[in-house]
Amino acid sequence: MGTAATTAKNKWNKENLDHYHLTLPKGKKPKYMEAAKKLDYGDFSKLIVAAVDEKLEGEGINIGE
């Protein structure tokens, strides 16, 4: 078993986050990650969420928070 901090982090993640496995064409991941940093998203996941939200909003689909 991990440390108390790891256990607490894993518990928080399980209760507050959904996980989705994303498959990308070979070689795209580092390029997307670099773009996310350049655009100040911090990480690739935040860029993906922002892009999907923007696309849905543009299509008139509101999924809420």
N, C-alpha and C. Protein backbone atom coordinates (compact mmCIF):
# COMPACT_ATOMS: atom_id res chain seq x y z
N MET A 1 0.84 -1.18 0.00
CA MET A 1 0.00 0.00 0.00
C MET A 1 0.89 1.24 0.00
N GLY A 2 0.40 2.33 -0.66
CA GLY A 2 1.16 3.56 -0.76
C GLY A 2 1.12 4.38 0.51
N THR A 3 1.73 5.52 0.42
CA THR A 3 1.74 6.42 1.58
C THR A 3 0.33 6.97 1.80
N ALA A 4 0.15 7.60 2.95
CA ALA A 4 -1.16 8.18 3.27
C ALA A 4 -1.52 9.26 2.25
N ALA A 5 -0.54 10.04 1.81
CA ALA A 5 -0.81 11.09 0.82
C ALA A 5 -1.26 10.50 -0.50
N THR A 6 -0.61 9.42 -0.93
CA THR A 6 -0.99 8.76 -2.18
C THR A 6 -2.39 8.17 -2.07
N THR A 7 -2.68 7.56 -0.97
CA THR A 7 -3.99 6.98 -0.74
C THR A 7 -5.06 8.07 -0.78
N ALA A 8 -4.80 9.19 -0.13
CA ALA A 8 -5.75 10.30 -0.11
C ALA A 8 -5.95 10.87 -1.51
N LYS A 9 -4.86 11.03 -2.27
CA LYS A 9 -4.94 11.55 -3.64
C LYS A 9 -5.75 10.61 -4.52
N ASN A 10 -5.49 9.32 -4.42
CA ASN A 10 -6.22 8.35 -5.23
C ASN A 10 -7.70 8.34 -4.89
N LYS A 11 -8.02 8.47 -3.61
CA LYS A 11 -9.42 8.53 -3.18
C LYS A 11 -10.09 9.76 -3.76
N TRP A 12 -9.42 10.93 -3.68
CA TRP A 12 -9.98 12.17 -4.21
C TRP A 12 -10.20 12.03 -5.72
N ASN A 13 -9.22 11.51 -6.44
CA ASN A 13 -9.34 11.33 -7.89
C ASN A 13 -10.53 10.44 -8.24
N LYS A 14 -10.69 9.35 -7.53
CA LYS A 14 -11.79 8.42 -7.80
C LYS A 14 -13.14 9.08 -7.58
N GLU A 15 -13.24 9.92 -6.57
CA GLU A 15 -14.51 10.56 -6.23
C GLU A 15 -14.83 11.79 -7.10
N ASN A 16 -13.81 12.40 -7.70
CA ASN A 16 -14.01 13.68 -8.37
C ASN A 16 -13.69 13.72 -9.86
N LEU A 17 -13.08 12.70 -10.39
CA LEU A 17 -12.66 12.72 -11.79
C LEU A 17 -13.18 11.50 -12.54
N ASP A 18 -13.50 11.73 -13.82
CA ASP A 18 -13.79 10.63 -14.74
C ASP A 18 -12.54 10.42 -15.57
N HIS A 19 -12.30 9.20 -15.98
CA HIS A 19 -11.12 8.88 -16.78
C HIS A 19 -11.57 8.35 -18.14
N TYR A 20 -10.82 8.74 -19.18
CA TYR A 20 -11.13 8.30 -20.53
C TYR A 20 -9.81 8.01 -21.24
N HIS A 21 -9.69 6.85 -21.81
CA HIS A 21 -8.48 6.48 -22.54
C HIS A 21 -8.58 7.05 -23.95
N LEU A 22 -7.60 7.81 -24.37
CA LEU A 22 -7.59 8.46 -25.68
C LEU A 22 -6.47 7.86 -26.52
N THR A 23 -6.80 7.42 -27.72
CA THR A 23 -5.82 6.87 -28.64
C THR A 23 -5.52 7.90 -29.72
N LEU A 24 -4.23 8.18 -29.92
CA LEU A 24 -3.80 9.19 -30.87
C LEU A 24 -2.90 8.57 -31.94
N PRO A 25 -2.84 9.20 -33.11
CA PRO A 25 -1.88 8.73 -34.10
C PRO A 25 -0.46 8.83 -33.54
N LYS A 26 0.37 7.88 -33.88
CA LYS A 26 1.75 7.84 -33.41
C LYS A 26 2.44 9.18 -33.69
N GLY A 27 3.09 9.73 -32.68
CA GLY A 27 3.84 10.96 -32.83
C GLY A 27 3.07 12.24 -32.53
N LYS A 28 1.75 12.16 -32.42
CA LYS A 28 0.95 13.36 -32.17
C LYS A 28 0.97 13.80 -30.70
N LYS A 29 1.06 12.86 -29.78
CA LYS A 29 0.97 13.18 -28.36
C LYS A 29 1.98 14.26 -27.94
N PRO A 30 3.26 14.11 -28.24
CA PRO A 30 4.19 15.16 -27.80
C PRO A 30 3.90 16.52 -28.45
N LYS A 31 3.41 16.51 -29.67
CA LYS A 31 3.08 17.76 -30.34
C LYS A 31 1.89 18.44 -29.68
N TYR A 32 0.88 17.64 -29.32
CA TYR A 32 -0.28 18.19 -28.63
C TYR A 32 0.09 18.70 -27.24
N MET A 33 0.96 17.96 -26.56
CA MET A 33 1.38 18.37 -25.22
C MET A 33 2.15 19.69 -25.28
N GLU A 34 3.01 19.83 -26.27
CA GLU A 34 3.76 21.07 -26.44
C GLU A 34 2.82 22.23 -26.76
N ALA A 35 1.83 22.00 -27.62
CA ALA A 35 0.85 23.03 -27.96
C ALA A 35 0.07 23.46 -26.72
N ALA A 36 -0.30 22.51 -25.89
CA ALA A 36 -1.04 22.82 -24.66
C ALA A 36 -0.22 23.74 -23.76
N LYS A 37 1.07 23.46 -23.65
CA LYS A 37 1.95 24.31 -22.83
C LYS A 37 2.06 25.71 -23.43
N LYS A 38 2.24 25.79 -24.75
CA LYS A 38 2.37 27.09 -25.41
C LYS A 38 1.10 27.93 -25.27
N LEU A 39 -0.04 27.27 -25.21
CA LEU A 39 -1.32 27.97 -25.09
C LEU A 39 -1.73 28.19 -23.63
N ASP A 40 -0.84 27.89 -22.71
CA ASP A 40 -1.05 28.08 -21.26
C ASP A 40 -2.20 27.25 -20.69
N TYR A 41 -2.42 26.07 -21.23
CA TYR A 41 -3.40 25.17 -20.64
C TYR A 41 -2.78 24.35 -19.51
N GLY A 42 -1.50 24.29 -19.46
CA GLY A 42 -0.82 23.54 -18.41
C GLY A 42 -0.61 22.09 -18.75
N ASP A 43 -1.64 21.44 -19.22
CA ASP A 43 -1.49 20.04 -19.63
C ASP A 43 -2.46 19.69 -20.75
N PHE A 44 -2.20 18.57 -21.37
CA PHE A 44 -2.96 18.11 -22.53
C PHE A 44 -4.43 17.88 -22.20
N SER A 45 -4.72 17.35 -21.04
CA SER A 45 -6.11 17.07 -20.65
C SER A 45 -6.95 18.34 -20.64
N LYS A 46 -6.39 19.43 -20.10
CA LYS A 46 -7.13 20.69 -20.05
C LYS A 46 -7.39 21.23 -21.45
N LEU A 47 -6.44 21.06 -22.35
CA LEU A 47 -6.62 21.47 -23.74
C LEU A 47 -7.75 20.67 -24.39
N ILE A 48 -7.78 19.37 -24.16
CA ILE A 48 -8.82 18.52 -24.75
C ILE A 48 -10.19 18.95 -24.24
N VAL A 49 -10.33 19.13 -22.94
CA VAL A 49 -11.62 19.53 -22.36
C VAL A 49 -12.06 20.87 -22.93
N ALA A 50 -11.14 21.83 -23.02
CA ALA A 50 -11.47 23.15 -23.55
C ALA A 50 -11.91 23.05 -25.02
N ALA A 51 -11.20 22.24 -25.80
CA ALA A 51 -11.53 22.10 -27.22
C ALA A 51 -12.90 21.44 -27.42
N VAL A 52 -13.18 20.42 -26.64
CA VAL A 52 -14.47 19.74 -26.74
C VAL A 52 -15.59 20.68 -26.31
N ASP A 53 -15.40 21.37 -25.19
CA ASP A 53 -16.41 22.32 -24.71
C ASP A 53 -16.67 23.41 -25.75
N GLU A 54 -15.61 23.94 -26.34
CA GLU A 54 -15.76 24.99 -27.35
C GLU A 54 -16.52 24.47 -28.57
N LYS A 55 -16.20 23.27 -29.01
CA LYS A 55 -16.89 22.67 -30.16
C LYS A 55 -18.37 22.47 -29.87
N LEU A 56 -18.69 21.91 -28.72
CA LEU A 56 -20.08 21.68 -28.36
C LEU A 56 -20.84 23.00 -28.23
N GLU A 57 -20.22 23.99 -27.61
CA GLU A 57 -20.86 25.30 -27.47
C GLU A 57 -21.14 25.91 -28.85
N GLY A 58 -20.19 25.77 -29.76
CA GLY A 58 -20.37 26.27 -31.12
C GLY A 58 -21.49 25.58 -31.87
N GLU A 59 -21.76 24.34 -31.49
CA GLU A 59 -22.85 23.57 -32.10
C GLU A 59 -24.16 23.76 -31.37
N GLY A 60 -24.15 24.61 -30.33
CA GLY A 60 -25.36 24.88 -29.58
C GLY A 60 -25.73 23.81 -28.57
N ILE A 61 -24.75 23.04 -28.16
CA ILE A 61 -24.98 21.98 -27.19
C ILE A 61 -24.43 22.41 -25.85
N ASN A 62 -25.28 22.48 -24.83
CA ASN A 62 -24.87 22.88 -23.50
C ASN A 62 -24.92 21.66 -22.60
N ILE A 63 -23.76 21.24 -22.10
CA ILE A 63 -23.71 20.08 -21.21
C ILE A 63 -23.61 20.47 -19.75
N GLY A 64 -23.58 21.78 -19.48
CA GLY A 64 -23.49 22.24 -18.09
C GLY A 64 -22.09 22.05 -17.54
N GLU A 65 -21.99 22.23 -16.26
CA GLU A 65 -20.68 22.12 -15.60
C GLU A 65 -20.42 20.74 -15.18
